Amino acid sequence: MFCSSCGTTITPGLSFCNRCGASLKEEPTGSTVRTGAIVAFLIAIAIIGISGLGMMLGGAVTLKRDAVLGEDVVGMFMFFTFIIVGLIEFFLVRQLSKLISNPAPKRASLPQPSAVPLELHPASAAQARGLPEAMPSVTENTTRTLEYQRKEPPR
């Protein structure tokens, strides 16, 4: 078995590399997060479905009894409520299927910075530390040309 960070051989059973100290065990946090997200999606789907059906039936009963509307209006209300709840459920199930079917993204490990920073050449380092040359204003010359100059009468 080899270390994925430094490439040295390691003895089985170790949880860290002896040479570089990198963790050799897989991190289970990704699966825990995915499981939590799946459970949250399932709960949301169930709650929205049950409350949508409750609103549809409760609204239909209320419209029929209190508003004394005909069956055609109550049927239209039930149909449109069913369509809206069905679309919401469809999109939630679609997102859930994408979450389940896609593999968990692996965390990219950043390369370790070297202990000794790379220095620039002395001449280029001095230039890099200095402030850049200021750019002249585009309108400066025009402003000076068109600026109102007060002419005083000769005495």
N, C-alpha and C. Protein backbone atom coordinates (compact mmCIF):
# COMPACT_ATOMS: atom_id res chain seq x y z
N MET A 1 0.85 -1.17 0.00
CA MET A 1 0.00 0.00 0.00
C MET A 1 0.89 1.23 0.00
N PHE A 2 0.47 2.26 -0.74
CA PHE A 2 1.26 3.48 -0.88
C PHE A 2 0.45 4.68 -0.40
N CYS A 3 1.16 5.68 0.09
CA CYS A 3 0.53 6.93 0.52
C CYS A 3 0.14 7.73 -0.72
N SER A 4 -1.06 8.29 -0.73
CA SER A 4 -1.53 9.06 -1.88
C SER A 4 -0.88 10.44 -1.94
N SER A 5 -0.33 10.91 -0.85
CA SER A 5 0.29 12.24 -0.84
C SER A 5 1.76 12.21 -1.24
N CYS A 6 2.54 11.34 -0.56
CA CYS A 6 3.99 11.35 -0.81
C CYS A 6 4.48 10.13 -1.58
N GLY A 7 3.69 9.06 -1.66
CA GLY A 7 4.06 7.90 -2.46
C GLY A 7 4.91 6.87 -1.75
N THR A 8 5.18 7.01 -0.48
CA THR A 8 6.00 6.02 0.23
C THR A 8 5.14 4.83 0.61
N THR A 9 5.81 3.68 0.78
CA THR A 9 5.08 2.49 1.20
C THR A 9 4.72 2.62 2.67
N ILE A 10 3.52 2.16 2.99
CA ILE A 10 3.07 2.24 4.37
C ILE A 10 2.65 0.85 4.83
N THR A 11 2.69 0.65 6.10
CA THR A 11 2.28 -0.63 6.66
C THR A 11 0.76 -0.62 6.85
N PRO A 12 0.11 -1.75 6.60
CA PRO A 12 -1.35 -1.80 6.75
C PRO A 12 -1.75 -1.58 8.20
N GLY A 13 -2.88 -0.94 8.39
CA GLY A 13 -3.41 -0.70 9.72
C GLY A 13 -3.15 0.69 10.25
N LEU A 14 -2.28 1.44 9.60
CA LEU A 14 -2.00 2.80 10.07
C LEU A 14 -3.08 3.75 9.56
N SER A 15 -3.37 4.77 10.36
CA SER A 15 -4.35 5.75 9.92
C SER A 15 -3.70 7.01 9.37
N PHE A 16 -2.37 7.18 9.61
CA PHE A 16 -1.63 8.32 9.09
C PHE A 16 -0.32 7.85 8.50
N CYS A 17 0.18 8.57 7.49
CA CYS A 17 1.46 8.24 6.87
C CYS A 17 2.58 8.63 7.83
N ASN A 18 3.60 7.74 7.94
CA ASN A 18 4.72 8.02 8.83
C ASN A 18 5.59 9.15 8.31
N ARG A 19 5.64 9.33 7.00
CA ARG A 19 6.54 10.32 6.43
C ARG A 19 5.91 11.72 6.35
N CYS A 20 4.71 11.82 5.78
CA CYS A 20 4.12 13.15 5.57
C CYS A 20 2.96 13.46 6.51
N GLY A 21 2.41 12.47 7.19
CA GLY A 21 1.33 12.70 8.14
C GLY A 21 -0.05 12.80 7.53
N ALA A 22 -0.20 12.44 6.25
CA ALA A 22 -1.50 12.52 5.59
C ALA A 22 -2.43 11.43 6.12
N SER A 23 -3.70 11.73 6.19
CA SER A 23 -4.69 10.77 6.65
C SER A 23 -4.87 9.68 5.60
N LEU A 24 -4.86 8.44 6.02
CA LEU A 24 -4.99 7.32 5.09
C LEU A 24 -6.40 6.75 5.06
N LYS A 25 -7.27 7.19 5.95
CA LYS A 25 -8.63 6.67 5.99
C LYS A 25 -9.55 7.60 5.23
N GLU A 26 -10.57 7.00 4.63
CA GLU A 26 -11.56 7.79 3.90
C GLU A 26 -12.39 8.57 4.91
N GLU A 27 -12.77 9.77 4.54
CA GLU A 27 -13.58 10.60 5.41
C GLU A 27 -15.05 10.26 5.21
N PRO A 28 -15.75 9.80 6.26
CA PRO A 28 -17.15 9.44 6.11
C PRO A 28 -18.09 10.63 6.16
N THR A 29 -17.58 11.86 6.28
CA THR A 29 -18.46 13.02 6.41
C THR A 29 -19.28 13.25 5.15
N GLY A 30 -18.73 12.95 3.98
CA GLY A 30 -19.45 13.16 2.73
C GLY A 30 -20.70 12.31 2.65
N SER A 31 -20.61 11.04 3.07
CA SER A 31 -21.77 10.17 3.02
C SER A 31 -22.81 10.59 4.06
N THR A 32 -22.36 11.11 5.20
CA THR A 32 -23.30 11.57 6.21
C THR A 32 -24.07 12.78 5.71
N VAL A 33 -23.38 13.68 5.04
CA VAL A 33 -24.05 14.86 4.49
C VAL A 33 -25.03 14.46 3.41
N ARG A 34 -24.64 13.52 2.54
CA ARG A 34 -25.54 13.07 1.48
C ARG A 34 -26.77 12.39 2.07
N THR A 35 -26.57 11.57 3.09
CA THR A 35 -27.70 10.90 3.71
C THR A 35 -28.65 11.91 4.34
N GLY A 36 -28.09 12.93 4.98
CA GLY A 36 -28.93 13.98 5.56
C GLY A 36 -29.71 14.74 4.51
N ALA A 37 -29.08 15.00 3.37
CA ALA A 37 -29.76 15.71 2.29
C ALA A 37 -30.88 14.85 1.70
N ILE A 38 -30.64 13.57 1.56
CA ILE A 38 -31.67 12.67 1.03
C ILE A 38 -32.86 12.60 1.98
N VAL A 39 -32.58 12.49 3.26
CA VAL A 39 -33.66 12.45 4.25
C VAL A 39 -34.45 13.76 4.24
N ALA A 40 -33.75 14.88 4.12
CA ALA A 40 -34.43 16.18 4.08
C ALA A 40 -35.32 16.29 2.85
N PHE A 41 -34.84 15.80 1.70
CA PHE A 41 -35.67 15.81 0.49
C PHE A 41 -36.91 14.94 0.67
N LEU A 42 -36.74 13.75 1.24
CA LEU A 42 -37.89 12.87 1.44
C LEU A 42 -38.92 13.48 2.38
N ILE A 43 -38.44 14.12 3.44
CA ILE A 43 -39.36 14.77 4.38
C ILE A 43 -40.10 15.92 3.69
N ALA A 44 -39.38 16.71 2.89
CA ALA A 44 -40.01 17.82 2.18
C ALA A 44 -41.05 17.32 1.19
N ILE A 45 -40.74 16.24 0.49
CA ILE A 45 -41.70 15.68 -0.47
C ILE A 45 -42.95 15.21 0.25
N ALA A 46 -42.78 14.54 1.38
CA ALA A 46 -43.94 14.04 2.12
C ALA A 46 -44.78 15.18 2.68
N ILE A 47 -44.13 16.17 3.28
CA ILE A 47 -44.88 17.28 3.89
C ILE A 47 -45.63 18.08 2.83
N ILE A 48 -44.97 18.38 1.72
CA ILE A 48 -45.63 19.17 0.68
C ILE A 48 -46.77 18.38 0.04
N GLY A 49 -46.58 17.08 -0.15
CA GLY A 49 -47.64 16.26 -0.73
C GLY A 49 -48.86 16.18 0.18
N ILE A 50 -48.63 15.93 1.46
CA ILE A 50 -49.75 15.81 2.39
C ILE A 50 -50.46 17.14 2.58
N SER A 51 -49.68 18.23 2.75
CA SER A 51 -50.32 19.54 2.93
C SER A 51 -51.02 19.99 1.65
N GLY A 52 -50.48 19.66 0.49
CA GLY A 52 -51.13 20.01 -0.77
C GLY A 52 -52.45 19.31 -0.94
N LEU A 53 -52.49 18.03 -0.62
CA LEU A 53 -53.76 17.30 -0.70
C LEU A 53 -54.75 17.84 0.32
N GLY A 54 -54.26 18.19 1.51
CA GLY A 54 -55.14 18.76 2.54
C GLY A 54 -55.73 20.09 2.10
N MET A 55 -54.89 20.95 1.51
CA MET A 55 -55.39 22.24 1.02
C MET A 55 -56.39 22.04 -0.11
N MET A 56 -56.12 21.06 -0.97
CA MET A 56 -57.01 20.83 -2.10
C MET A 56 -58.38 20.36 -1.61
N LEU A 57 -58.40 19.38 -0.74
CA LEU A 57 -59.69 18.87 -0.26
C LEU A 57 -60.39 19.86 0.66
N GLY A 58 -59.62 20.52 1.55
CA GLY A 58 -60.22 21.51 2.44
C GLY A 58 -60.78 22.69 1.68
N GLY A 59 -60.05 23.15 0.67
CA GLY A 59 -60.54 24.26 -0.14
C GLY A 59 -61.77 23.88 -0.93
N ALA A 60 -61.81 22.65 -1.43
CA ALA A 60 -62.98 22.21 -2.19
C ALA A 60 -64.21 22.13 -1.30
N VAL A 61 -64.04 21.60 -0.10
CA VAL A 61 -65.18 21.52 0.83
C VAL A 61 -65.65 22.91 1.22
N THR A 62 -64.70 23.81 1.48
CA THR A 62 -65.06 25.18 1.87
C THR A 62 -65.77 25.90 0.73
N LEU A 63 -65.26 25.75 -0.48
CA LEU A 63 -65.91 26.40 -1.62
C LEU A 63 -67.32 25.86 -1.85
N LYS A 64 -67.50 24.57 -1.68
CA LYS A 64 -68.81 23.96 -1.93
C LYS A 64 -69.81 24.36 -0.84
N ARG A 65 -69.36 24.35 0.41
CA ARG A 65 -70.28 24.58 1.52
C ARG A 65 -70.51 26.07 1.79
N ASP A 66 -69.42 26.85 1.95
CA ASP A 66 -69.56 28.25 2.38
C ASP A 66 -69.82 29.20 1.21
N ALA A 67 -69.13 29.02 0.10
CA ALA A 67 -69.30 29.94 -1.02
C ALA A 67 -70.45 29.52 -1.93
N VAL A 68 -70.96 28.35 -1.74
CA VAL A 68 -72.06 27.79 -2.51
C VAL A 68 -71.78 27.94 -4.00
N LEU A 69 -70.62 27.43 -4.41
CA LEU A 69 -70.25 27.46 -5.81
C LEU A 69 -70.61 26.12 -6.45
N GLY A 70 -70.72 26.14 -7.75
CA GLY A 70 -71.08 24.93 -8.47
C GLY A 70 -69.93 23.92 -8.50
N GLU A 71 -70.29 22.72 -8.94
CA GLU A 71 -69.29 21.66 -8.98
C GLU A 71 -68.20 21.94 -10.00
N ASP A 72 -68.52 22.68 -11.05
CA ASP A 72 -67.50 22.98 -12.06
C ASP A 72 -66.40 23.89 -11.50
N VAL A 73 -66.76 24.88 -10.69
CA VAL A 73 -65.76 25.78 -10.09
C VAL A 73 -64.92 25.03 -9.07
N VAL A 74 -65.57 24.19 -8.28
CA VAL A 74 -64.84 23.40 -7.28
C VAL A 74 -63.92 22.41 -7.98
N GLY A 75 -64.38 21.83 -9.07
CA GLY A 75 -63.53 20.91 -9.83
C GLY A 75 -62.32 21.62 -10.44
N MET A 76 -62.52 22.84 -10.95
CA MET A 76 -61.39 23.61 -11.49
C MET A 76 -60.38 23.94 -10.39
N PHE A 77 -60.90 24.32 -9.20
CA PHE A 77 -60.00 24.61 -8.09
C PHE A 77 -59.18 23.38 -7.72
N MET A 78 -59.84 22.23 -7.64
CA MET A 78 -59.13 21.00 -7.29
C MET A 78 -58.11 20.63 -8.37
N PHE A 79 -58.47 20.83 -9.63
CA PHE A 79 -57.57 20.50 -10.73
C PHE A 79 -56.31 21.37 -10.69
N PHE A 80 -56.48 22.69 -10.56
CA PHE A 80 -55.32 23.58 -10.55
C PHE A 80 -54.46 23.38 -9.31
N THR A 81 -55.08 23.13 -8.17
CA THR A 81 -54.30 22.84 -6.96
C THR A 81 -53.51 21.56 -7.14
N PHE A 82 -54.12 20.55 -7.74
CA PHE A 82 -53.42 19.29 -7.99
C PHE A 82 -52.25 19.50 -8.95
N ILE A 83 -52.43 20.32 -9.98
CA ILE A 83 -51.35 20.59 -10.94
C ILE A 83 -50.18 21.29 -10.25
N ILE A 84 -50.47 22.30 -9.43
CA ILE A 84 -49.40 23.04 -8.75
C ILE A 84 -48.64 22.14 -7.79
N VAL A 85 -49.35 21.38 -6.97
CA VAL A 85 -48.68 20.47 -6.03
C VAL A 85 -47.93 19.38 -6.79
N GLY A 86 -48.51 18.90 -7.87
CA GLY A 86 -47.83 17.88 -8.67
C GLY A 86 -46.54 18.38 -9.28
N LEU A 87 -46.53 19.62 -9.78
CA LEU A 87 -45.29 20.19 -10.33
C LEU A 87 -44.21 20.34 -9.26
N ILE A 88 -44.61 20.82 -8.09
CA ILE A 88 -43.64 20.96 -7.00
C ILE A 88 -43.06 19.60 -6.63
N GLU A 89 -43.94 18.61 -6.51
CA GLU A 89 -43.48 17.25 -6.17
C GLU A 89 -42.57 16.70 -7.27
N PHE A 90 -42.92 16.94 -8.53
CA PHE A 90 -42.11 16.45 -9.64
C PHE A 90 -40.70 17.01 -9.58
N PHE A 91 -40.58 18.32 -9.37
CA PHE A 91 -39.25 18.93 -9.33
C PHE A 91 -38.45 18.47 -8.11
N LEU A 92 -39.11 18.27 -6.98
CA LEU A 92 -38.39 17.76 -5.81
C LEU A 92 -37.90 16.33 -6.04
N VAL A 93 -38.74 15.48 -6.64
CA VAL A 93 -38.32 14.10 -6.93
C VAL A 93 -37.20 14.10 -7.96
N ARG A 94 -37.26 15.00 -8.92
CA ARG A 94 -36.19 15.09 -9.92
C ARG A 94 -34.86 15.48 -9.28
N GLN A 95 -34.88 16.46 -8.38
CA GLN A 95 -33.66 16.84 -7.68
C GLN A 95 -33.16 15.71 -6.79
N LEU A 96 -34.07 14.98 -6.17
CA LEU A 96 -33.67 13.85 -5.33
C LEU A 96 -33.02 12.76 -6.17
N SER A 97 -33.55 12.49 -7.35
CA SER A 97 -32.94 11.46 -8.20
C SER A 97 -31.56 11.89 -8.68
N LYS A 98 -31.38 13.19 -8.95
CA LYS A 98 -30.04 13.67 -9.32
C LYS A 98 -29.07 13.53 -8.16
N LEU A 99 -29.54 13.80 -6.96
CA LEU A 99 -28.68 13.69 -5.78
C LEU A 99 -28.27 12.25 -5.54
N ILE A 100 -29.18 11.32 -5.76
CA ILE A 100 -28.88 9.91 -5.52
C ILE A 100 -27.99 9.35 -6.62
N SER A 101 -28.25 9.71 -7.88
CA SER A 101 -27.53 9.09 -8.99
C SER A 101 -26.12 9.62 -9.16
N ASN A 102 -25.87 10.89 -8.84
CA ASN A 102 -24.53 11.44 -9.01
C ASN A 102 -23.63 10.99 -7.87
N PRO A 103 -22.38 10.64 -8.19
CA PRO A 103 -21.47 10.25 -7.12
C PRO A 103 -21.08 11.47 -6.29
N ALA A 104 -20.71 11.21 -5.05
CA ALA A 104 -20.30 12.30 -4.16
C ALA A 104 -19.02 12.94 -4.69
N PRO A 105 -18.97 14.26 -4.75
CA PRO A 105 -17.75 14.90 -5.23
C PRO A 105 -16.61 14.71 -4.25
N LYS A 106 -15.45 14.40 -4.79
CA LYS A 106 -14.28 14.22 -3.93
C LYS A 106 -13.69 15.58 -3.63
N ARG A 107 -13.22 15.71 -2.41
CA ARG A 107 -12.59 16.97 -2.02
C ARG A 107 -11.21 17.04 -2.62
N ALA A 108 -10.94 18.13 -3.26
CA ALA A 108 -9.62 18.31 -3.85
C ALA A 108 -8.66 18.80 -2.77
N SER A 109 -7.55 18.11 -2.65
CA SER A 109 -6.57 18.53 -1.67
C SER A 109 -5.63 19.53 -2.32
N LEU A 110 -5.40 20.61 -1.63
CA LEU A 110 -4.52 21.64 -2.15
C LEU A 110 -3.08 21.20 -2.01
N PRO A 111 -2.23 21.56 -2.95
CA PRO A 111 -0.82 21.19 -2.83
C PRO A 111 -0.20 21.90 -1.64
N GLN A 112 0.68 21.20 -0.95
CA GLN A 112 1.35 21.77 0.21
C GLN A 112 2.34 22.82 -0.24
N PRO A 113 2.32 24.02 0.35
CA PRO A 113 3.29 25.04 -0.04
C PRO A 113 4.69 24.64 0.43
N SER A 114 5.67 25.03 -0.36
CA SER A 114 7.04 24.69 0.01
C SER A 114 7.45 25.50 1.23
N ALA A 115 8.39 24.94 2.01
CA ALA A 115 8.83 25.59 3.23
C ALA A 115 9.61 26.87 2.94
N VAL A 116 10.40 26.87 1.85
CA VAL A 116 11.21 28.03 1.49
C VAL A 116 10.51 28.75 0.35
N PRO A 117 10.11 30.01 0.55
CA PRO A 117 9.45 30.72 -0.55
C PRO A 117 10.44 31.03 -1.66
N LEU A 118 9.94 30.99 -2.87
CA LEU A 118 10.78 31.31 -4.01
C LEU A 118 10.95 32.81 -4.11
N GLU A 119 12.19 33.26 -4.21
CA GLU A 119 12.49 34.69 -4.29
C GLU A 119 12.61 35.11 -5.75
N LEU A 120 12.24 36.32 -6.02
CA LEU A 120 12.42 36.88 -7.35
C LEU A 120 13.85 37.36 -7.49
N HIS A 121 14.23 37.62 -8.70
CA HIS A 121 15.56 38.19 -8.90
C HIS A 121 15.60 39.55 -8.21
N PRO A 122 16.76 39.98 -7.70
CA PRO A 122 16.81 41.24 -6.95
C PRO A 122 16.31 42.44 -7.75
N ALA A 123 16.64 42.53 -9.04
CA ALA A 123 16.21 43.69 -9.82
C ALA A 123 14.70 43.68 -10.04
N SER A 124 14.14 42.51 -10.36
CA SER A 124 12.71 42.44 -10.61
C SER A 124 11.92 42.54 -9.30
N ALA A 125 12.52 42.12 -8.18
CA ALA A 125 11.84 42.22 -6.89
C ALA A 125 11.66 43.67 -6.49
N ALA A 126 12.67 44.49 -6.75
CA ALA A 126 12.56 45.91 -6.42
C ALA A 126 11.50 46.58 -7.28
N GLN A 127 11.41 46.19 -8.54
CA GLN A 127 10.40 46.76 -9.41
C GLN A 127 9.00 46.32 -8.99
N ALA A 128 8.88 45.08 -8.55
CA ALA A 128 7.58 44.57 -8.17
C ALA A 128 7.08 45.24 -6.90
N ARG A 129 7.98 45.61 -5.99
CA ARG A 129 7.56 46.23 -4.73
C ARG A 129 7.20 47.70 -4.90
N GLY A 130 7.76 48.39 -5.89
CA GLY A 130 7.49 49.81 -6.09
C GLY A 130 6.12 50.04 -6.68
N LEU A 131 5.62 51.24 -6.51
CA LEU A 131 4.31 51.58 -7.07
C LEU A 131 4.42 51.74 -8.58
N PRO A 132 3.39 51.37 -9.30
CA PRO A 132 3.44 51.54 -10.75
C PRO A 132 3.33 53.01 -11.13
N GLU A 133 3.76 53.32 -12.32
CA GLU A 133 3.70 54.68 -12.84
C GLU A 133 2.24 55.09 -12.99
N ALA A 134 1.90 56.27 -12.51
CA ALA A 134 0.52 56.74 -12.57
C ALA A 134 0.15 57.09 -14.01
N MET A 135 -1.04 56.71 -14.40
CA MET A 135 -1.53 57.02 -15.74
C MET A 135 -2.11 58.43 -15.74
N PRO A 136 -1.80 59.23 -16.75
CA PRO A 136 -2.39 60.57 -16.80
C PRO A 136 -3.88 60.48 -17.11
N SER A 137 -4.61 61.46 -16.65
CA SER A 137 -6.04 61.49 -16.86
C SER A 137 -6.35 61.72 -18.33
N VAL A 138 -7.37 61.07 -18.82
CA VAL A 138 -7.76 61.22 -20.22
C VAL A 138 -8.33 62.61 -20.46
N THR A 139 -9.06 63.13 -19.51
CA THR A 139 -9.73 64.42 -19.70
C THR A 139 -8.93 65.60 -19.17
N GLU A 140 -7.75 65.35 -18.63
CA GLU A 140 -6.99 66.43 -18.01
C GLU A 140 -6.63 67.53 -19.02
N ASN A 141 -6.12 67.14 -20.17
CA ASN A 141 -5.72 68.12 -21.18
C ASN A 141 -6.93 68.89 -21.70
N THR A 142 -8.04 68.20 -21.93
CA THR A 142 -9.24 68.85 -22.43
C THR A 142 -9.80 69.82 -21.40
N THR A 143 -9.76 69.42 -20.14
CA THR A 143 -10.26 70.29 -19.09
C THR A 143 -9.45 71.57 -19.01
N ARG A 144 -8.15 71.45 -19.10
CA ARG A 144 -7.31 72.64 -19.04
C ARG A 144 -7.54 73.54 -20.26
N THR A 145 -7.76 72.93 -21.41
CA THR A 145 -7.97 73.73 -22.62
C THR A 145 -9.29 74.49 -22.55
N LEU A 146 -10.33 73.86 -22.10
CA LEU A 146 -11.65 74.48 -22.09
C LEU A 146 -11.97 75.22 -20.79
N GLU A 147 -11.05 75.25 -19.88
CA GLU A 147 -11.30 75.89 -18.59
C GLU A 147 -11.50 77.40 -18.79
N TYR A 148 -12.46 77.91 -18.08
CA TYR A 148 -12.76 79.34 -18.18
C TYR A 148 -11.63 80.13 -17.54
N GLN A 149 -11.06 81.00 -18.31
CA GLN A 149 -10.00 81.85 -17.77
C GLN A 149 -10.53 83.27 -17.72
N ARG A 150 -10.45 83.83 -16.57
CA ARG A 150 -10.97 85.17 -16.38
C ARG A 150 -9.93 86.19 -16.86
N LYS A 151 -10.36 87.00 -17.76
CA LYS A 151 -9.47 88.05 -18.27
C LYS A 151 -9.82 89.36 -17.57
N GLU A 152 -8.86 89.87 -16.93
CA GLU A 152 -9.10 91.14 -16.24
C GLU A 152 -8.82 92.30 -17.21
N PRO A 153 -9.61 93.33 -17.12
CA PRO A 153 -9.38 94.48 -18.02
C PRO A 153 -8.04 95.15 -17.70
N PRO A 154 -7.38 95.63 -18.71
CA PRO A 154 -6.10 96.31 -18.46
C PRO A 154 -6.31 97.60 -17.68
N ARG A 155 -5.36 97.98 -16.87
CA ARG A 155 -5.50 99.18 -16.06
C ARG A 155 -4.78 100.32 -16.64
